[in-house]
Amino acid sequence: MIDLHGHLVWGVDDGPFDRDESLALAHAAVKAGVTTFACTSHIRPDKGWVNDAGRVAHNLARAKEVADIAGLTVVQGAEHYVDDAVFGDDAFHERLVPYGQSRWVLVETPYMGAPPDLFGLLARIRRKGFKVLLAHVERFPYLCDDDDLVDRVIDAGHLVQCNLGSLAGAYNARQQKAAEKLLKRGVVAVLAGDCHREKDVADNIVAGRAAAKKLISAATFERLTVSGPRAILDDAAPHKVFP
């Protein structure tokens, strides 16, 4: 599995508290079959999490230290929260942390309601030369409950990521139902772990994998967890990632 959403760097957000927790997470991920782990630390200045382009080298070096011990490959990334502190000025692109050497970025929309101009923002990101993967869409009713809106997002060239843990009921029943619907509709491009600590691997990746395989074929699961994520890391165009 190539996991495009996870929190391995310790002491920078709500992920591992210290190096030992980070190392335990890395070992658990490898045991669960993860070969490549994207370190998508939060960029949320409102919470004091400023893991932007100025921090990526430092964060990746710390992640690589523990990943090498566990036999895990890590790549850079970040979870970019939609608010004015991140995207509110025309220089926002200088703060973005794309996946590896690609131009793909993981974008997390607000929890308390839809941003005032979601499509305008996504278009601005694209105009700066980036491509957008939307994080755990099943968590946001204003997105996942509106089939037409999700279809518009995809038609505009953006892709949808769901958490494996949502499919296993790791968060709540509403998110589980929403993730199942998105998966059955065939609008999910990437399934990811979003693991923050060692325990999350069993609850999210292992249990989520079992739940997903009851809903989709083995070939589709491979596309959502291996070949699709690999295409993103290779900077493929959206239509090459998501059929």
C-alpha atoms as a PDB file:
ATOM      1  CA  MET A   1       0.000   0.000   0.000  1.00  0.00           C
ATOM      2  CA  ILE A   2       1.084   3.551  -0.780  1.00  0.00           C
ATOM      3  CA  ASP A   3      -0.507   5.662   1.944  1.00  0.00           C
ATOM      4  CA  LEU A   4      -1.006   9.253   0.812  1.00  0.00           C
ATOM      5  CA  HIS A   5      -2.431  10.566   4.085  1.00  0.00           C
ATOM      6  CA  GLY A   6      -0.678  10.089   7.412  1.00  0.00           C
ATOM      7  CA  HIS A   7       1.024  11.820  10.317  1.00  0.00           C
ATOM      8  CA  LEU A   8       4.425  10.340  11.118  1.00  0.00           C
ATOM      9  CA  VAL A   9       6.418  13.411  12.153  1.00  0.00           C
ATOM     10  CA  TRP A  10       6.322  13.818  15.919  1.00  0.00           C
ATOM     11  CA  GLY A  11       5.682  17.001  17.852  1.00  0.00           C
ATOM     12  CA  VAL A  12       4.378  19.092  14.950  1.00  0.00           C
ATOM     13  CA  ASP A  13       0.585  18.551  14.991  1.00  0.00           C
ATOM     14  CA  ASP A  14      -1.883  16.057  16.471  1.00  0.00           C
ATOM     15  CA  GLY A  15       0.252  13.120  15.331  1.00  0.00           C
ATOM     16  CA  PRO A  16       2.868  11.259  17.400  1.00  0.00           C
ATOM     17  CA  PHE A  17       3.887  12.987  20.591  1.00  0.00           C
ATOM     18  CA  ASP A  18       7.501  11.827  20.496  1.00  0.00           C
ATOM     19  CA  ARG A  19      10.014   9.773  18.550  1.00  0.00           C
ATOM     20  CA  ASP A  20       9.007   6.505  20.207  1.00  0.00           C
ATOM     21  CA  GLU A  21       5.376   6.951  19.151  1.00  0.00           C
ATOM     22  CA  SER A  22       6.501   7.797  15.627  1.00  0.00           C
ATOM     23  CA  LEU A  23       8.702   4.719  15.415  1.00  0.00           C
ATOM     24  CA  ALA A  24       5.885   2.495  16.700  1.00  0.00           C
ATOM     25  CA  LEU A  25       3.596   3.916  14.005  1.00  0.00           C
ATOM     26  CA  ALA A  26       6.202   3.259  11.316  1.00  0.00           C
ATOM     27  CA  HIS A  27       6.674  -0.358  12.433  1.00  0.00           C
ATOM     28  CA  ALA A  28       2.916  -0.952  12.540  1.00  0.00           C
ATOM     29  CA  ALA A  29       2.454   0.541   9.070  1.00  0.00           C
ATOM     30  CA  VAL A  30       5.104  -1.760   7.592  1.00  0.00           C
ATOM     31  CA  LYS A  31       3.528  -4.767   9.300  1.00  0.00           C
ATOM     32  CA  ALA A  32       0.181  -3.821   7.762  1.00  0.00           C
ATOM     33  CA  GLY A  33       1.687  -3.750   4.278  1.00  0.00           C
ATOM     34  CA  VAL A  34       2.428  -0.066   3.814  1.00  0.00           C
ATOM     35  CA  THR A  35       5.526   0.416   1.674  1.00  0.00           C
ATOM     36  CA  THR A  36       5.404   4.193   1.123  1.00  0.00           C
ATOM     37  CA  PHE A  37       4.047   6.699   3.632  1.00  0.00           C
ATOM     38  CA  ALA A  38       3.337  10.323   2.749  1.00  0.00           C
ATOM     39  CA  CYS A  39       4.049  12.574   5.730  1.00  0.00           C
ATOM     40  CA  THR A  40       1.075  14.914   5.460  1.00  0.00           C
ATOM     41  CA  SER A  41       1.515  16.980   8.609  1.00  0.00           C
ATOM     42  CA  HIS A  42      -1.200  19.583   9.113  1.00  0.00           C
ATOM     43  CA  ILE A  43      -0.799  23.138   7.897  1.00  0.00           C
ATOM     44  CA  ARG A  44      -3.255  24.858  10.249  1.00  0.00           C
ATOM     45  CA  PRO A  45      -1.937  28.132  11.632  1.00  0.00           C
ATOM     46  CA  ASP A  46      -5.119  28.520  13.685  1.00  0.00           C
ATOM     47  CA  LYS A  47      -3.882  25.576  15.789  1.00  0.00           C
ATOM     48  CA  GLY A  48      -0.221  26.552  15.641  1.00  0.00           C
ATOM     49  CA  TRP A  49       0.604  23.824  13.108  1.00  0.00           C
ATOM     50  CA  VAL A  50       2.756  25.553  10.491  1.00  0.00           C
ATOM     51  CA  ASN A  51       4.251  22.660   8.531  1.00  0.00           C
ATOM     52  CA  ASP A  52       4.539  24.571   5.286  1.00  0.00           C
ATOM     53  CA  ALA A  53       7.273  24.714   2.645  1.00  0.00           C
ATOM     54  CA  GLY A  54       9.663  26.297   5.127  1.00  0.00           C
ATOM     55  CA  ARG A  55       9.482  23.225   7.370  1.00  0.00           C
ATOM     56  CA  VAL A  56       9.309  20.375   4.882  1.00  0.00           C
ATOM     57  CA  ALA A  57      13.040  19.507   4.854  1.00  0.00           C
ATOM     58  CA  HIS A  58      13.166  19.419   8.663  1.00  0.00           C
ATOM     59  CA  ASN A  59       9.993  17.348   8.943  1.00  0.00           C
ATOM     60  CA  LEU A  60      11.004  14.880   6.260  1.00  0.00           C
ATOM     61  CA  ALA A  61      14.439  14.350   7.813  1.00  0.00           C
ATOM     62  CA  ARG A  62      12.857  13.475  11.156  1.00  0.00           C
ATOM     63  CA  ALA A  63      10.368  11.131   9.516  1.00  0.00           C
ATOM     64  CA  LYS A  64      13.092   9.435   7.483  1.00  0.00           C
ATOM     65  CA  GLU A  65      15.092   8.714  10.622  1.00  0.00           C
ATOM     66  CA  VAL A  66      12.394   6.482  12.089  1.00  0.00           C
ATOM     67  CA  ALA A  67      11.147   5.218   8.723  1.00  0.00           C
ATOM     68  CA  ASP A  68      14.583   3.870   7.820  1.00  0.00           C
ATOM     69  CA  ILE A  69      14.645   1.829  11.014  1.00  0.00           C
ATOM     70  CA  ALA A  70      11.243   0.328  10.206  1.00  0.00           C
ATOM     71  CA  GLY A  71      12.012  -0.261   6.529  1.00  0.00           C
ATOM     72  CA  LEU A  72       9.438   2.287   5.351  1.00  0.00           C
ATOM     73  CA  THR A  73       9.826   4.731   2.465  1.00  0.00           C
ATOM     74  CA  VAL A  74       8.589   8.243   3.227  1.00  0.00           C
ATOM     75  CA  VAL A  75       7.765  11.155   0.937  1.00  0.00           C
ATOM     76  CA  GLN A  76       6.952  14.754   1.679  1.00  0.00           C
ATOM     77  CA  GLY A  77       3.438  16.132   1.798  1.00  0.00           C
ATOM     78  CA  ALA A  78       1.114  18.211   3.938  1.00  0.00           C
ATOM     79  CA  GLU A  79      -2.565  18.514   4.796  1.00  0.00           C
ATOM     80  CA  HIS A  80      -3.451  22.057   3.770  1.00  0.00           C
ATOM     81  CA  TYR A  81      -6.446  23.449   5.664  1.00  0.00           C
ATOM     82  CA  VAL A  82      -8.731  25.805   3.794  1.00  0.00           C
ATOM     83  CA  ASP A  83      -8.702  29.132   5.609  1.00  0.00           C
ATOM     84  CA  ASP A  84      -7.396  32.631   4.991  1.00  0.00           C
ATOM     85  CA  ALA A  85      -4.177  31.993   6.901  1.00  0.00           C
ATOM     86  CA  VAL A  86      -3.211  29.341   4.352  1.00  0.00           C
ATOM     87  CA  PHE A  87      -4.880  30.428   1.112  1.00  0.00           C
ATOM     88  CA  GLY A  88      -5.869  34.042   1.780  1.00  0.00           C
ATOM     89  CA  ASP A  89      -3.235  35.843  -0.269  1.00  0.00           C
ATOM     90  CA  ASP A  90      -1.782  35.520  -3.743  1.00  0.00           C
ATOM     91  CA  ALA A  91       1.494  34.066  -2.420  1.00  0.00           C
ATOM     92  CA  PHE A  92      -0.183  30.975  -0.961  1.00  0.00           C
ATOM     93  CA  HIS A  93       1.539  28.734  -3.515  1.00  0.00           C
ATOM     94  CA  GLU A  94       4.878  29.481  -1.860  1.00  0.00           C
ATOM     95  CA  ARG A  95       3.645  27.746   1.314  1.00  0.00           C
ATOM     96  CA  LEU A  96       2.305  24.580  -0.322  1.00  0.00           C
ATOM     97  CA  VAL A  97       3.982  21.207   0.165  1.00  0.00           C
ATOM     98  CA  PRO A  98       3.188  18.869  -2.730  1.00  0.00           C
ATOM     99  CA  TYR A  99       3.567  15.113  -2.656  1.00  0.00           C
ATOM    100  CA  GLY A 100       7.188  14.161  -3.281  1.00  0.00           C
ATOM    101  CA  GLN A 101       8.422  15.726  -6.511  1.00  0.00           C
ATOM    102  CA  SER A 102       4.906  16.054  -7.922  1.00  0.00           C
ATOM    103  CA  ARG A 103       2.555  19.038  -8.122  1.00  0.00           C
ATOM    104  CA  TRP A 104      -0.273  17.268  -6.287  1.00  0.00           C
ATOM    105  CA  VAL A 105      -1.400  18.709  -2.937  1.00  0.00           C
ATOM    106  CA  LEU A 106      -3.711  17.355  -0.240  1.00  0.00           C
ATOM    107  CA  VAL A 107      -6.381  19.900   0.695  1.00  0.00           C
ATOM    108  CA  GLU A 108      -8.653  19.678   3.749  1.00  0.00           C
ATOM    109  CA  THR A 109     -11.884  21.668   3.574  1.00  0.00           C
ATOM    110  CA  PRO A 110     -13.425  23.262   6.706  1.00  0.00           C
ATOM    111  CA  TYR A 111     -15.373  21.217   9.239  1.00  0.00           C
ATOM    112  CA  MET A 112     -17.907  23.871  10.234  1.00  0.00           C
ATOM    113  CA  GLY A 113     -19.369  24.484   6.787  1.00  0.00           C
ATOM    114  CA  ALA A 114     -18.528  24.970   3.156  1.00  0.00           C
ATOM    115  CA  PRO A 115     -16.006  27.662   2.258  1.00  0.00           C
ATOM    116  CA  PRO A 116     -17.669  30.614   0.524  1.00  0.00           C
ATOM    117  CA  ASP A 117     -16.169  29.892  -2.898  1.00  0.00           C
ATOM    118  CA  LEU A 118     -14.857  26.338  -2.995  1.00  0.00           C
ATOM    119  CA  PHE A 119     -14.606  26.099  -6.769  1.00  0.00           C
ATOM    120  CA  GLY A 120     -12.976  29.504  -6.990  1.00  0.00           C
ATOM    121  CA  LEU A 121     -10.325  28.411  -4.488  1.00  0.00           C
ATOM    122  CA  LEU A 122      -9.710  25.106  -6.243  1.00  0.00           C
ATOM    123  CA  ALA A 123      -9.362  26.962  -9.535  1.00  0.00           C
ATOM    124  CA  ARG A 124      -6.827  29.340  -7.947  1.00  0.00           C
ATOM    125  CA  ILE A 125      -4.771  26.379  -6.767  1.00  0.00           C
ATOM    126  CA  ARG A 126      -4.862  24.870 -10.236  1.00  0.00           C
ATOM    127  CA  ARG A 127      -3.840  28.163 -11.855  1.00  0.00           C
ATOM    128  CA  LYS A 128      -0.696  28.108  -9.694  1.00  0.00           C
ATOM    129  CA  GLY A 129       0.214  24.812 -11.362  1.00  0.00           C
ATOM    130  CA  PHE A 130      -0.947  22.389  -8.657  1.00  0.00           C
ATOM    131  CA  LYS A 131      -3.401  19.488  -8.728  1.00  0.00           C
ATOM    132  CA  VAL A 132      -5.793  18.828  -5.835  1.00  0.00           C
ATOM    133  CA  LEU A 133      -6.618  15.716  -3.825  1.00  0.00           C
ATOM    134  CA  LEU A 134      -9.424  16.501  -1.358  1.00  0.00           C
ATOM    135  CA  ALA A 135      -8.884  14.892   2.060  1.00  0.00           C
ATOM    136  CA  HIS A 136     -11.465  12.567   3.674  1.00  0.00           C
ATOM    137  CA  VAL A 137     -14.467  13.984   1.851  1.00  0.00           C
ATOM    138  CA  GLU A 138     -16.784  11.697   3.840  1.00  0.00           C
ATOM    139  CA  ARG A 139     -16.288  13.934   6.880  1.00  0.00           C
ATOM    140  CA  PHE A 140     -17.983  16.939   5.302  1.00  0.00           C
ATOM    141  CA  PRO A 141     -21.758  16.641   4.805  1.00  0.00           C
ATOM    142  CA  TYR A 142     -21.852  19.709   2.561  1.00  0.00           C
ATOM    143  CA  LEU A 143     -19.682  17.712   0.144  1.00  0.00           C
ATOM    144  CA  CYS A 144     -20.433  14.032   0.567  1.00  0.00           C
ATOM    145  CA  ASP A 145     -24.226  14.434   0.835  1.00  0.00           C
ATOM    146  CA  ASP A 146     -24.401  16.333  -2.455  1.00  0.00           C
ATOM    147  CA  ASP A 147     -23.770  13.889  -5.301  1.00  0.00           C
ATOM    148  CA  ASP A 148     -23.962  16.623  -7.929  1.00  0.00           C
ATOM    149  CA  LEU A 149     -21.346  18.696  -6.084  1.00  0.00           C
ATOM    150  CA  VAL A 150     -18.951  15.759  -5.799  1.00  0.00           C
ATOM    151  CA  ASP A 151     -19.405  15.058  -9.501  1.00  0.00           C
ATOM    152  CA  ARG A 152     -18.660  18.716 -10.290  1.00  0.00           C
ATOM    153  CA  VAL A 153     -15.484  18.538  -8.190  1.00  0.00           C
ATOM    154  CA  ILE A 154     -14.296  15.524 -10.178  1.00  0.00           C
ATOM    155  CA  ASP A 155     -15.367  16.987 -13.511  1.00  0.00           C
ATOM    156  CA  ALA A 156     -13.260  20.054 -12.685  1.00  0.00           C
ATOM    157  CA  GLY A 157     -10.178  17.832 -12.425  1.00  0.00           C
ATOM    158  CA  HIS A 158      -9.920  17.410  -8.655  1.00  0.00           C
ATOM    159  CA  LEU A 159      -9.823  14.027  -6.915  1.00  0.00           C
ATOM    160  CA  VAL A 160     -11.489  12.574  -3.815  1.00  0.00           C
ATOM    161  CA  GLN A 161      -9.742  10.749  -0.969  1.00  0.00           C
ATOM    162  CA  CYS A 162     -11.536   8.715   1.704  1.00  0.00           C
ATOM    163  CA  ASN A 163     -10.167   7.291   4.931  1.00  0.00           C
ATOM    164  CA  LEU A 164     -10.088   3.519   5.243  1.00  0.00           C
ATOM    165  CA  GLY A 165     -11.006   3.936   8.901  1.00  0.00           C
ATOM    166  CA  SER A 166     -14.300   5.553   7.942  1.00  0.00           C
ATOM    167  CA  LEU A 167     -15.302   2.365   6.120  1.00  0.00           C
ATOM    168  CA  ALA A 168     -14.589   0.381   9.310  1.00  0.00           C
ATOM    169  CA  GLY A 169     -16.606   2.718  11.538  1.00  0.00           C
ATOM    170  CA  ALA A 170     -13.498   4.040  13.279  1.00  0.00           C
ATOM    171  CA  TYR A 171     -14.975   7.530  13.642  1.00  0.00           C
ATOM    172  CA  ASN A 172     -18.790   7.445  13.608  1.00  0.00           C
ATOM    173  CA  ALA A 173     -21.717   5.854  11.802  1.00  0.00           C
ATOM    174  CA  ARG A 174     -22.443   8.903   9.654  1.00  0.00           C
ATOM    175  CA  GLN A 175     -18.934   8.970   8.236  1.00  0.00           C
ATOM    176  CA  GLN A 176     -19.037   5.226   7.664  1.00  0.00           C
ATOM    177  CA  LYS A 177     -22.267   5.508   5.691  1.00  0.00           C
ATOM    178  CA  ALA A 178     -20.929   8.452   3.697  1.00  0.00           C
ATOM    179  CA  ALA A 179     -17.663   6.670   2.845  1.00  0.00           C
ATOM    180  CA  GLU A 180     -19.557   3.561   1.768  1.00  0.00           C
ATOM    181  CA  LYS A 181     -21.775   5.641  -0.515  1.00  0.00           C
ATOM    182  CA  LEU A 182     -18.822   7.417  -2.108  1.00  0.00           C
ATOM    183  CA  LEU A 183     -17.016   4.131  -2.668  1.00  0.00           C
ATOM    184  CA  LYS A 184     -20.074   2.415  -4.149  1.00  0.00           C
ATOM    185  CA  ARG A 185     -20.674   5.386  -6.454  1.00  0.00           C
ATOM    186  CA  GLY A 186     -17.156   4.964  -7.794  1.00  0.00           C
ATOM    187  CA  VAL A 187     -16.072   8.549  -7.118  1.00  0.00           C
ATOM    188  CA  VAL A 188     -13.165   7.769  -4.763  1.00  0.00           C
ATOM    189  CA  ALA A 189      -9.695   8.016  -6.298  1.00  0.00           C
ATOM    190  CA  VAL A 190      -7.596   7.247  -3.200  1.00  0.00           C
ATOM    191  CA  LEU A 191      -8.114   5.284   0.023  1.00  0.00           C
ATOM    192  CA  ALA A 192      -5.680   6.217   2.798  1.00  0.00           C
ATOM    193  CA  GLY A 193      -4.968   5.511   6.438  1.00  0.00           C
ATOM    194  CA  ASP A 194      -4.811   8.978   8.039  1.00  0.00           C
ATOM    195  CA  CYS A 195      -2.965   7.304  10.912  1.00  0.00           C
ATOM    196  CA  HIS A 196      -1.680   9.459  13.760  1.00  0.00           C
ATOM    197  CA  ARG A 197      -0.495   6.739  16.159  1.00  0.00           C
ATOM    198  CA  GLU A 198       0.286   3.022  16.234  1.00  0.00           C
ATOM    199  CA  LYS A 199      -3.256   2.002  17.258  1.00  0.00           C
ATOM    200  CA  ASP A 200      -4.710   3.733  14.216  1.00  0.00           C
ATOM    201  CA  VAL A 201      -3.080   1.213  11.889  1.00  0.00           C
ATOM    202  CA  ALA A 202      -5.241  -1.641  13.170  1.00  0.00           C
ATOM    203  CA  ASP A 203      -8.375   0.493  13.469  1.00  0.00           C
ATOM    204  CA  ASN A 204      -7.980   2.292  10.153  1.00  0.00           C
ATOM    205  CA  ILE A 205      -5.806   0.402   7.689  1.00  0.00           C
ATOM    206  CA  VAL A 206      -6.322  -3.228   8.694  1.00  0.00           C
ATOM    207  CA  ALA A 207     -10.010  -2.997   9.562  1.00  0.00           C
ATOM    208  CA  GLY A 208     -10.659  -0.542   6.739  1.00  0.00           C
ATOM    209  CA  ARG A 209      -9.046  -2.812   4.183  1.00  0.00           C
ATOM    210  CA  ALA A 210     -11.331  -5.660   5.242  1.00  0.00           C
ATOM    211  CA  ALA A 211     -14.383  -3.406   5.048  1.00  0.00           C
ATOM    212  CA  ALA A 212     -13.422  -2.028   1.635  1.00  0.00           C
ATOM    213  CA  LYS A 213     -12.921  -5.455   0.131  1.00  0.00           C
ATOM    214  CA  LYS A 214     -16.548  -6.289   0.948  1.00  0.00           C
ATOM    215  CA  LEU A 215     -17.645  -3.377  -1.226  1.00  0.00           C
ATOM    216  CA  ILE A 216     -15.195  -3.333  -4.148  1.00  0.00           C
ATOM    217  CA  SER A 217     -13.132  -5.801  -6.129  1.00  0.00           C
ATOM    218  CA  ALA A 218      -9.534  -6.645  -5.332  1.00  0.00           C
ATOM    219  CA  ALA A 219      -8.495  -4.895  -8.547  1.00  0.00           C
ATOM    220  CA  THR A 220     -10.311  -1.699  -7.576  1.00  0.00           C
ATOM    221  CA  PHE A 221      -8.811  -1.789  -4.099  1.00  0.00           C
ATOM    222  CA  GLU A 222      -5.349  -2.101  -5.627  1.00  0.00           C
ATOM    223  CA  ARG A 223      -6.046   0.895  -7.845  1.00  0.00           C
ATOM    224  CA  LEU A 224      -7.172   3.030  -4.899  1.00  0.00           C
ATOM    225  CA  THR A 225      -4.259   2.086  -2.632  1.00  0.00           C
ATOM    226  CA  VAL A 226      -1.337   1.334  -4.949  1.00  0.00           C
ATOM    227  CA  SER A 227      -1.491   2.269  -8.631  1.00  0.00           C
ATOM    228  CA  GLY A 228      -3.533   5.451  -8.164  1.00  0.00           C
ATOM    229  CA  PRO A 229      -1.332   6.803  -5.363  1.00  0.00           C
ATOM    230  CA  ARG A 230       1.756   5.855  -7.358  1.00  0.00           C
ATOM    231  CA  ALA A 231       0.410   7.835 -10.322  1.00  0.00           C
ATOM    232  CA  ILE A 232      -0.039  10.863  -8.065  1.00  0.00           C
ATOM    233  CA  LEU A 233       3.536  10.593  -6.830  1.00  0.00           C
ATOM    234  CA  ASP A 234       4.590  10.343 -10.487  1.00  0.00           C
ATOM    235  CA  ASP A 235       2.686  13.598 -11.123  1.00  0.00           C
ATOM    236  CA  ALA A 236       0.203  12.042 -13.534  1.00  0.00           C
ATOM    237  CA  ALA A 237      -2.705  14.076 -14.830  1.00  0.00           C
ATOM    238  CA  PRO A 238      -6.026  13.580 -12.999  1.00  0.00           C
ATOM    239  CA  HIS A 239      -7.534  11.483 -15.799  1.00  0.00           C
ATOM    240  CA  LYS A 240      -4.539   9.154 -15.583  1.00  0.00           C
ATOM    241  CA  VAL A 241      -5.102   8.632 -11.853  1.00  0.00           C
ATOM    242  CA  PHE A 242      -8.874   8.371 -11.775  1.00  0.00           C
ATOM    243  CA  PRO A 243     -10.701   6.725 -14.718  1.00  0.00           C
END
